[in-house]
Amino acid sequence: MREEVKVIETEKKNFRYISVLRIIAMFSVIMIHSVCTPVTYYSESYSHLELQISCILRSVFISFAVPIFLMISGALFLNPSKDISTNKILTKYVKRIFLDILIFGSIFALMEIVFTNKHFSPIDILTALKNALTGNTWGHLWYLYLIISLYLVTPVFRAFAKNSEKKDFLIVLGIIYFFTMVLPLISSILNIKTGFYVPFTTASFFYLAGHAVHTDMIKLKNWHCLLLIILSFVYIIGMSFVKNSLIIYGAQIKNVSWLGIMTVPLYCLVKNLVTNNNERKIETFLASMSFGVYIFHAVFLNFIYKATPFTPVNYPLVLVVSIAFVITSIFSIFVTWIFKKIPYLNKLV
């Protein structure tokens, strides 16, 4: 009983840090695509150094952007003091994400068809619907398909989180961490293959880790967090100069991006620093925009590069990325704010 009261008190005291993390993750996702979009479509026009810098930036932000969202979900959905029944998960959360995929996934798939074919045909609507249901829409929506699967297994994770001892929980978390992130990285670096695996994904680790950090099962001092974050930066930057091929070192950096050596420390650091629960209005506002911004930001980036005469190679890459980031952030927040004012549609974002 005392443990349940402690969890509830922790939830009340530590809610603000989750809003701050949502804001960090939201802008980090925009930065990822602001960087990778121009170098993806105009890679031959940039120097090797520019491509190298863009690869480093992508790897740094990929290291924690979406994983932070997953950890936040774990902190909230696995909280035993929160009433989340299986029926509520299916009828509210899964239903909402499925509608997002059905509506926005189809719209984005249709936009891509029109961008590619340069014309519109009514049959394209059915093709777009099919593409959305089969995952063949804009790439950033992969997170929506993933989060549905996590919602579906949440009842099992909740039971595990509620009934397991701290030691057992951390042991299982460590096993998932090793087999889903450490072992694949070792296999990639040493070019060896192993048949051992666990039936979990990296997303499962971050989902469970969010609960562990939120309930103080995992606690890191600020200097530990900073040290691990700095080591992550050093590794990513170092690997970019070890190999002379973006494809080779890009793959290795991608592996370490999911290694969690930056995400969990960053998450802990923000939790440690943001202790005052008097959340500012700007924090509340921006945090409430995060999901909608995640959905809409790709619209403006695709519009800038595919539907306007703007040619990014005529300008320095840093200027292109900065302008795209600012414009995309402003318009994505604005559109999300508008959607939140519209009945029924406000439930989707």
Protein backbone atom coordinates (compact mmCIF):
# COMPACT_ATOMS: atom_id res chain seq x y z
CA MET A 1 0.00 0.00 0.00
CA ARG A 2 2.83 2.38 0.88
CA GLU A 3 4.50 1.62 -2.46
CA GLU A 4 1.31 2.52 -4.33
CA VAL A 5 1.07 5.83 -2.46
CA LYS A 6 4.71 6.52 -3.27
CA VAL A 7 4.07 5.90 -6.98
CA ILE A 8 1.10 8.30 -6.93
CA GLU A 9 3.17 10.99 -5.17
CA THR A 10 6.00 10.50 -7.65
CA GLU A 11 3.54 10.90 -10.53
CA LYS A 12 2.27 14.19 -9.11
CA LYS A 13 5.74 15.58 -8.41
CA ASN A 14 7.33 14.59 -11.70
CA PHE A 15 4.75 15.45 -14.33
CA ARG A 16 6.38 18.64 -15.58
CA TYR A 17 9.56 16.92 -16.76
CA ILE A 18 7.45 14.81 -19.13
CA SER A 19 6.14 17.97 -20.80
CA VAL A 20 9.69 19.28 -21.19
CA LEU A 21 10.78 15.97 -22.72
CA ARG A 22 7.85 16.04 -25.14
CA ILE A 23 8.98 19.47 -26.35
CA ILE A 24 12.60 18.30 -26.75
CA ALA A 25 11.52 15.21 -28.69
CA MET A 26 9.09 17.20 -30.86
CA PHE A 27 11.69 19.70 -32.06
CA SER A 28 14.31 16.95 -32.40
CA VAL A 29 12.09 15.05 -34.84
CA ILE A 30 11.63 18.20 -36.92
CA MET A 31 15.39 18.73 -36.92
CA ILE A 32 16.03 15.14 -38.08
CA HIS A 33 13.89 15.58 -41.18
CA SER A 34 15.01 19.16 -41.78
CA VAL A 35 18.55 17.81 -42.06
CA CYS A 36 17.95 14.57 -43.94
CA THR A 37 15.41 15.81 -46.52
CA PRO A 38 17.72 18.07 -48.59
CA VAL A 39 20.67 15.65 -48.51
CA THR A 40 18.37 12.78 -49.49
CA TYR A 41 17.02 14.49 -52.61
CA TYR A 42 20.17 16.45 -53.52
CA SER A 43 22.98 14.26 -52.16
CA GLU A 44 25.08 14.58 -55.32
CA SER A 45 25.13 18.36 -54.99
CA TYR A 46 26.72 18.48 -51.55
CA SER A 47 30.34 18.02 -50.58
CA HIS A 48 31.52 14.99 -48.63
CA LEU A 49 32.04 17.17 -45.54
CA GLU A 50 28.47 18.50 -45.71
CA LEU A 51 27.10 14.98 -46.07
CA GLN A 52 29.29 13.87 -43.19
CA ILE A 53 28.04 16.66 -40.92
CA SER A 54 24.43 15.95 -41.86
CA CYS A 55 24.97 12.27 -41.06
CA ILE A 56 26.35 13.18 -37.63
CA LEU A 57 23.43 15.50 -36.89
CA ARG A 58 20.88 12.89 -37.96
CA SER A 59 22.56 10.26 -35.82
CA VAL A 60 22.66 12.52 -32.76
CA PHE A 61 18.98 13.48 -32.93
CA ILE A 62 17.85 9.98 -33.93
CA SER A 63 19.59 8.74 -30.80
CA PHE A 64 16.93 10.20 -28.54
CA ALA A 65 14.01 11.80 -30.43
CA VAL A 66 11.52 8.96 -30.92
CA PRO A 67 12.96 6.86 -28.05
CA ILE A 68 12.04 9.70 -25.69
CA PHE A 69 8.45 9.52 -26.91
CA LEU A 70 8.50 5.78 -26.24
CA MET A 71 9.87 6.28 -22.73
CA ILE A 72 7.20 8.89 -21.99
CA SER A 73 4.51 6.43 -23.11
CA GLY A 74 5.99 3.78 -20.84
CA ALA A 75 6.10 6.18 -17.89
CA LEU A 76 2.42 7.03 -18.32
CA PHE A 77 0.84 3.78 -19.52
CA LEU A 78 2.70 1.46 -17.16
CA ASN A 79 1.95 3.54 -14.08
CA PRO A 80 -0.07 1.19 -11.83
CA SER A 81 -1.88 4.13 -10.23
CA LYS A 82 -3.37 5.08 -13.60
CA ASP A 83 -6.65 3.39 -14.54
CA ILE A 84 -6.01 1.89 -17.98
CA SER A 85 -8.14 -1.14 -18.72
CA THR A 86 -7.72 -3.35 -21.79
CA ASN A 87 -11.06 -2.10 -23.07
CA LYS A 88 -9.91 1.52 -22.72
CA ILE A 89 -6.69 0.76 -24.56
CA LEU A 90 -8.59 -0.77 -27.48
CA THR A 91 -11.53 1.64 -27.70
CA LYS A 92 -9.63 4.87 -27.01
CA TYR A 93 -5.91 4.67 -27.68
CA VAL A 94 -5.65 2.01 -30.40
CA LYS A 95 -8.76 3.40 -32.12
CA ARG A 96 -7.29 6.90 -32.15
CA ILE A 97 -3.97 5.86 -33.68
CA PHE A 98 -5.69 3.63 -36.23
CA LEU A 99 -7.84 6.56 -37.35
CA ASP A 100 -4.72 8.71 -37.61
CA ILE A 101 -3.14 6.12 -39.90
CA LEU A 102 -6.33 5.72 -41.92
CA ILE A 103 -6.92 9.47 -42.38
CA PHE A 104 -3.51 11.13 -42.38
CA GLY A 105 -1.69 8.11 -43.77
CA SER A 106 -4.06 8.05 -46.75
CA ILE A 107 -3.81 11.81 -47.28
CA PHE A 108 -0.01 11.73 -47.19
CA ALA A 109 0.09 8.70 -49.49
CA LEU A 110 -2.20 10.53 -51.92
CA MET A 111 0.00 13.62 -51.78
CA GLU A 112 3.05 11.50 -52.60
CA ILE A 113 1.24 9.93 -55.56
CA VAL A 114 0.35 13.38 -56.90
CA PHE A 115 3.91 14.69 -56.30
CA THR A 116 5.29 11.70 -58.22
CA ASN A 117 2.79 11.48 -61.09
CA LYS A 118 2.21 15.25 -61.43
CA HIS A 119 -1.53 14.66 -61.83
CA PHE A 120 -4.53 13.36 -59.89
CA SER A 121 -6.90 10.51 -60.72
CA PRO A 122 -9.88 9.37 -58.59
CA ILE A 123 -8.44 5.86 -58.49
CA ASP A 124 -5.48 7.34 -56.63
CA ILE A 125 -7.70 7.68 -53.55
CA LEU A 126 -8.15 3.91 -53.32
CA THR A 127 -4.44 3.39 -53.96
CA ALA A 128 -3.62 5.85 -51.19
CA LEU A 129 -5.95 4.07 -48.77
CA LYS A 130 -4.33 0.75 -49.59
CA ASN A 131 -0.87 2.26 -49.17
CA ALA A 132 -1.78 3.63 -45.74
CA LEU A 133 -3.08 0.29 -44.53
CA THR A 134 0.01 -1.52 -45.81
CA GLY A 135 2.45 1.02 -44.36
CA ASN A 136 3.41 2.50 -47.73
CA THR A 137 2.95 6.14 -46.78
CA TRP A 138 5.33 8.85 -45.59
CA GLY A 139 8.13 7.31 -43.59
CA HIS A 140 7.71 9.25 -40.35
CA LEU A 141 4.36 7.54 -39.69
CA TRP A 142 6.19 4.31 -38.85
CA TYR A 143 5.92 5.46 -35.24
CA LEU A 144 2.11 5.20 -35.38
CA TYR A 145 2.20 1.58 -36.54
CA LEU A 146 4.73 0.86 -33.79
CA ILE A 147 2.79 2.53 -31.00
CA ILE A 148 -0.34 0.51 -31.85
CA SER A 149 1.61 -2.69 -31.26
CA LEU A 150 2.90 -1.37 -27.94
CA TYR A 151 -0.61 -0.40 -26.87
CA LEU A 152 -1.81 -3.92 -27.66
CA VAL A 153 0.79 -5.52 -25.39
CA THR A 154 0.45 -2.85 -22.69
CA PRO A 155 -1.85 -4.99 -20.48
CA VAL A 156 0.90 -7.61 -20.28
CA PHE A 157 3.58 -5.01 -19.58
CA ARG A 158 1.36 -3.36 -16.95
CA ALA A 159 0.88 -6.66 -15.14
CA PHE A 160 4.63 -7.27 -15.25
CA ALA A 161 5.44 -3.76 -14.00
CA LYS A 162 2.90 -3.97 -11.18
CA ASN A 163 3.70 -7.45 -9.89
CA SER A 164 7.43 -7.84 -10.41
CA GLU A 165 10.10 -6.97 -7.88
CA LYS A 166 12.51 -4.17 -8.73
CA LYS A 167 15.40 -6.62 -9.13
CA ASP A 168 13.43 -8.88 -11.48
CA PHE A 169 12.22 -5.91 -13.54
CA LEU A 170 15.74 -4.56 -14.02
CA ILE A 171 17.13 -8.02 -14.88
CA VAL A 172 14.52 -8.47 -17.61
CA LEU A 173 15.17 -4.91 -18.83
CA GLY A 174 18.89 -5.66 -18.97
CA ILE A 175 18.32 -8.86 -20.94
CA ILE A 176 16.16 -7.04 -23.48
CA TYR A 177 18.77 -4.28 -23.72
CA PHE A 178 21.62 -6.70 -24.37
CA PHE A 179 19.88 -8.83 -26.98
CA THR A 180 18.14 -6.04 -28.88
CA MET A 181 20.89 -3.41 -28.91
CA VAL A 182 24.27 -4.49 -27.56
CA LEU A 183 24.55 -7.86 -29.30
CA PRO A 184 23.46 -6.54 -32.74
CA LEU A 185 26.03 -3.74 -32.44
CA ILE A 186 28.81 -6.19 -31.55
CA SER A 187 27.76 -8.45 -34.42
CA SER A 188 27.84 -5.51 -36.83
CA ILE A 189 31.26 -4.25 -35.73
CA LEU A 190 32.92 -7.68 -35.63
CA ASN A 191 30.99 -8.93 -38.67
CA ILE A 192 29.80 -12.06 -36.90
CA LYS A 193 26.35 -13.58 -36.72
CA THR A 194 24.71 -15.15 -33.69
CA GLY A 195 21.53 -17.19 -33.51
CA PHE A 196 20.61 -16.02 -30.01
CA TYR A 197 17.79 -13.52 -29.62
CA VAL A 198 14.84 -12.56 -27.42
CA PRO A 199 11.33 -11.98 -28.82
CA PHE A 200 11.36 -8.26 -27.99
CA THR A 201 12.26 -5.08 -29.84
CA THR A 202 14.24 -1.96 -28.98
CA ALA A 203 10.90 -0.18 -28.60
CA SER A 204 10.00 -2.58 -25.78
CA PHE A 205 13.17 -1.62 -23.96
CA PHE A 206 12.45 2.11 -24.11
CA TYR A 207 8.81 1.55 -23.18
CA LEU A 208 9.80 -0.38 -20.05
CA ALA A 209 12.76 1.92 -19.33
CA GLY A 210 10.41 4.90 -19.22
CA HIS A 211 8.54 3.24 -16.36
CA ALA A 212 11.79 2.31 -14.61
CA VAL A 213 13.11 5.88 -14.69
CA HIS A 214 9.75 7.42 -13.77
CA THR A 215 9.45 5.25 -10.66
CA ASP A 216 13.13 5.72 -9.73
CA MET A 217 14.08 2.09 -10.34
CA ILE A 218 16.74 3.63 -12.59
CA LYS A 219 18.42 6.72 -11.16
CA LEU A 220 21.50 8.45 -12.54
CA LYS A 221 23.35 11.38 -11.07
CA ASN A 222 23.67 14.44 -13.28
CA TRP A 223 27.39 13.95 -13.87
CA HIS A 224 26.76 10.33 -14.88
CA CYS A 225 24.17 11.53 -17.37
CA LEU A 226 26.46 14.18 -18.81
CA LEU A 227 29.36 11.73 -19.08
CA LEU A 228 27.30 9.18 -21.00
CA ILE A 229 25.84 11.85 -23.29
CA ILE A 230 29.32 13.21 -24.05
CA LEU A 231 30.64 9.70 -24.73
CA SER A 232 27.76 9.15 -27.14
CA PHE A 233 28.62 12.35 -29.00
CA VAL A 234 32.29 11.40 -29.16
CA TYR A 235 31.47 7.92 -30.48
CA ILE A 236 29.12 9.21 -33.17
CA ILE A 237 31.54 11.91 -34.32
CA GLY A 238 34.50 9.55 -34.12
CA MET A 239 32.83 6.84 -36.18
CA SER A 240 31.99 9.38 -38.87
CA PHE A 241 35.71 9.95 -39.46
CA VAL A 242 36.88 6.34 -39.09
CA LYS A 243 35.28 5.21 -42.32
CA ASN A 244 35.46 7.01 -45.65
CA SER A 245 32.02 5.88 -46.72
CA LEU A 246 28.75 7.39 -45.52
CA ILE A 247 27.01 4.08 -46.13
CA ILE A 248 29.45 2.09 -44.00
CA TYR A 249 29.77 4.36 -40.99
CA GLY A 250 26.17 5.50 -41.34
CA ALA A 251 25.05 1.93 -40.66
CA GLN A 252 27.26 1.68 -37.59
CA ILE A 253 26.03 5.01 -36.25
CA LYS A 254 22.48 3.86 -36.82
CA ASN A 255 23.12 0.87 -34.59
CA VAL A 256 24.47 3.00 -31.75
CA SER A 257 21.54 5.38 -32.20
CA TRP A 258 19.33 2.71 -30.68
CA LEU A 259 21.87 1.69 -28.07
CA GLY A 260 20.23 3.83 -25.41
CA ILE A 261 23.50 5.31 -24.15
CA MET A 262 22.20 8.78 -24.97
CA THR A 263 18.44 8.42 -24.57
CA VAL A 264 18.21 7.10 -21.02
CA PRO A 265 20.82 9.52 -19.59
CA LEU A 266 19.16 12.48 -21.32
CA TYR A 267 15.78 11.37 -20.00
CA CYS A 268 17.21 11.03 -16.47
CA LEU A 269 19.00 14.37 -16.68
CA VAL A 270 15.82 16.25 -17.60
CA LYS A 271 13.92 14.43 -14.85
CA ASN A 272 16.60 15.43 -12.33
CA LEU A 273 16.71 19.07 -13.40
CA VAL A 274 13.01 19.73 -13.88
CA THR A 275 11.83 19.32 -10.30
CA ASN A 276 9.36 22.19 -9.94
CA ASN A 277 5.86 21.05 -10.84
CA ASN A 278 4.63 24.60 -11.55
CA GLU A 279 4.46 24.03 -15.29
CA ARG A 280 4.68 27.17 -17.40
CA LYS A 281 1.92 27.95 -19.90
CA ILE A 282 4.32 27.77 -22.84
CA GLU A 283 5.44 24.31 -21.72
CA THR A 284 1.85 23.09 -21.41
CA PHE A 285 0.98 24.54 -24.80
CA LEU A 286 3.96 23.15 -26.69
CA ALA A 287 3.76 19.73 -25.01
CA SER A 288 0.09 19.45 -26.04
CA MET A 289 1.14 20.16 -29.65
CA SER A 290 3.81 17.43 -29.81
CA PHE A 291 1.74 14.59 -31.31
CA GLY A 292 0.06 16.77 -33.90
CA VAL A 293 3.37 18.37 -34.85
CA TYR A 294 4.86 14.90 -35.30
CA ILE A 295 2.10 14.08 -37.78
CA PHE A 296 2.04 17.37 -39.70
CA HIS A 297 5.67 18.45 -39.87
CA ALA A 298 6.41 16.24 -42.88
CA VAL A 299 3.70 18.05 -44.88
CA PHE A 300 5.60 21.32 -44.83
CA LEU A 301 8.99 19.76 -45.47
CA ASN A 302 7.63 17.85 -48.47
CA PHE A 303 5.86 20.97 -49.72
CA ILE A 304 9.04 23.06 -49.46
CA TYR A 305 11.14 20.58 -51.42
CA LYS A 306 8.59 19.05 -53.81
CA ALA A 307 5.91 21.66 -54.54
CA THR A 308 7.86 24.92 -54.68
CA PRO A 309 10.59 26.19 -57.02
CA PHE A 310 12.93 26.44 -54.04
CA THR A 311 16.30 24.83 -54.84
CA PRO A 312 18.23 24.16 -51.64
CA VAL A 313 21.55 23.48 -53.38
CA ASN A 314 21.78 27.18 -54.25
CA TYR A 315 22.25 28.01 -50.57
CA PRO A 316 24.53 26.82 -47.75
CA LEU A 317 23.21 23.64 -46.14
CA VAL A 318 23.19 25.18 -42.66
CA LEU A 319 20.97 28.02 -43.92
CA VAL A 320 18.61 25.62 -45.69
CA VAL A 321 18.26 23.43 -42.60
CA SER A 322 17.72 26.42 -40.31
CA ILE A 323 15.02 27.98 -42.51
CA ALA A 324 13.26 24.64 -43.05
CA PHE A 325 13.34 23.94 -39.31
CA VAL A 326 11.88 27.31 -38.31
CA ILE A 327 9.17 27.37 -41.01
CA THR A 328 8.19 23.76 -40.38
CA SER A 329 8.05 24.25 -36.60
CA ILE A 330 5.86 27.36 -36.81
CA PHE A 331 3.40 26.03 -39.37
CA SER A 332 3.17 22.57 -37.77
CA ILE A 333 2.34 24.09 -34.39
CA PHE A 334 -0.18 26.45 -35.98
CA VAL A 335 -1.97 23.70 -37.93
CA THR A 336 -2.06 21.45 -34.85
CA TRP A 337 -3.53 24.34 -32.83
CA ILE A 338 -6.23 24.81 -35.51
CA PHE A 339 -7.05 21.09 -35.50
CA LYS A 340 -7.43 21.15 -31.73
CA LYS A 341 -10.15 23.77 -32.15
CA ILE A 342 -12.24 21.59 -34.49
CA PRO A 343 -14.71 19.12 -32.90
CA TYR A 344 -13.95 15.42 -33.55
CA LEU A 345 -10.71 16.24 -35.37
CA ASN A 346 -9.23 17.54 -32.11
CA LYS A 347 -9.32 13.96 -30.78
CA LEU A 348 -6.96 12.83 -33.53
CA VAL A 349 -4.09 15.15 -32.60
